[in-house]
């Protein structure tokens, strides 16, 4: 056991966190992990799982009842007791989530995670379908789907007739962009922010190619830190510049919270600006559902997309696509085109027959019917939305409690990691940028042009020689080492001339997780400085 003193280790002193107000207190019990990182002959990870079968028997002391470890050289650890200040609920959020017991994943914002209860619900529906696939797909699935649309519509305060479910945010965005009707004079422009999600940015460029030049894109450059007033003014200037150039600004695209970096944009004001300027608005709310309060009735965008698998605890992939009723005539085709498509000739002749007539008679709109069945896929997660929202309310204390905990944790985590690294977080004076469940931390890496003009680096900073592709190479190397050596992952990206890491806060994480993450990043940056990424 003396070897333990020479290993870098992390022990959680507390494994309990409460989420919610006094009326809805829920204990969040985290697995206590002792990491013994990389040695040439062994990678030992001891996971101490704290389990309580009866909350009344906790008595501020929990017994460690199981040890699971991966090692080439085994050591015997005696069963012991860990004193805790608070009691542990056996139904707490952390004990019901499904990440690997060896993972401390700070990248949940990318792909999300699912509570065991919701995971099992999806599997139950999958088994039910396999027992009777035809009748389930034809008759049961649409009924369950309607309940899910209604649940997510209630969460977003939207009319269910304006909400459909699709596989992911990219599918939703592609659906909108491929259906958008451009003017034939070729003067239309898309106005988009520079920090738009990369695939969506590529999609707008592709639309220009697909339309054979009927539309082109104008980018609004956002160089942070910026205050919300500045962002709105820059977007207004982008619209004005389009008109001054003899173009027609047709569609404005921006995020609720951008991806890399994670920045909370003043999307409410940008939607209002677009409406004021006669420009249609498309809000990429991939990081919205389960992350922040959204009121689509008040917001009234033209198009809104949000992923349900990122923050709402829905099995991936699942996204909600909102199209205002005034624009649904435009969205004629699903992706791929399927049974619900209505040919132009039928529309002109007012021809409605078959299953569409039956659907319309039942009160469904052509828009909802079109997306009801697209093609066979593993979309059982779509049907879990009501269960997940209920679980979040009953176990976690509700949306407000979750969001408050995660925003506060993200801000504290960013400050802590920046302190460990000797750097800073990406924010503005009003802290509107960081009003979300993610944080961006500057890494102590300096791109060196190699001309000898650079000032001496501060202590703890490391130079990276500039060469083609080095920005991606360093980012990819750090992320790979996180995954393979530390069994965790945070996005690392190059932004405004520097490398940053994005951490995501969740209800089963606490500040100790990010302290460990900060020390991991410090170690990896030192190794980058030693040139390991070149090997």
Foldseek 3Di string as FASTA:
>chain_A
DVVVVVFDWFWDLAQWDWFADPVATFIQGFWTWIFRFDDPAWGKTKTFGFADPDQVPPPQKTWRDDIDMGIPDDDDDDTDIRGHPDTHDNLAQNNQWDDDSQADAQALLPFHTAGNVLVVLLVVLVVVCVVPVPCCLPPVLLVLLLVLLVLVCVQQVHDSLQKHKDFALLLLLLLCLVLDDFDPVLQEEEEEEPLADVVSVVSQCVSCVVVVRSYYYDYQYDDDPDDQVVVLVSSVVSCVVSVVVVGHYAEYEDECFGDVVTFGHPVLVNQVVCVVVVHAYEYEHQVPVQWHRHHCVSSVHQKYKYFCRRRLNFNHGMIMIGGPPVCLVSSQARVPRADLHDDPVCVVVVNDDDPRVVCVVVPHDSSRVRNSDHDDDSVSSSSSNVVSQVCCCNNNVHSVRFNVVQLVQQVVLQVLLCVLQVFHWGADPVRNGSSTNKTKHFHLEAEDCPPPPDDDGDPLHAYDYDDPPVQVLLQVVLQVCCCPTVVYGWRWGADPRTIITMGGGGPNDGNSSSNVVSVSSSVSRVVVRVVPSVD
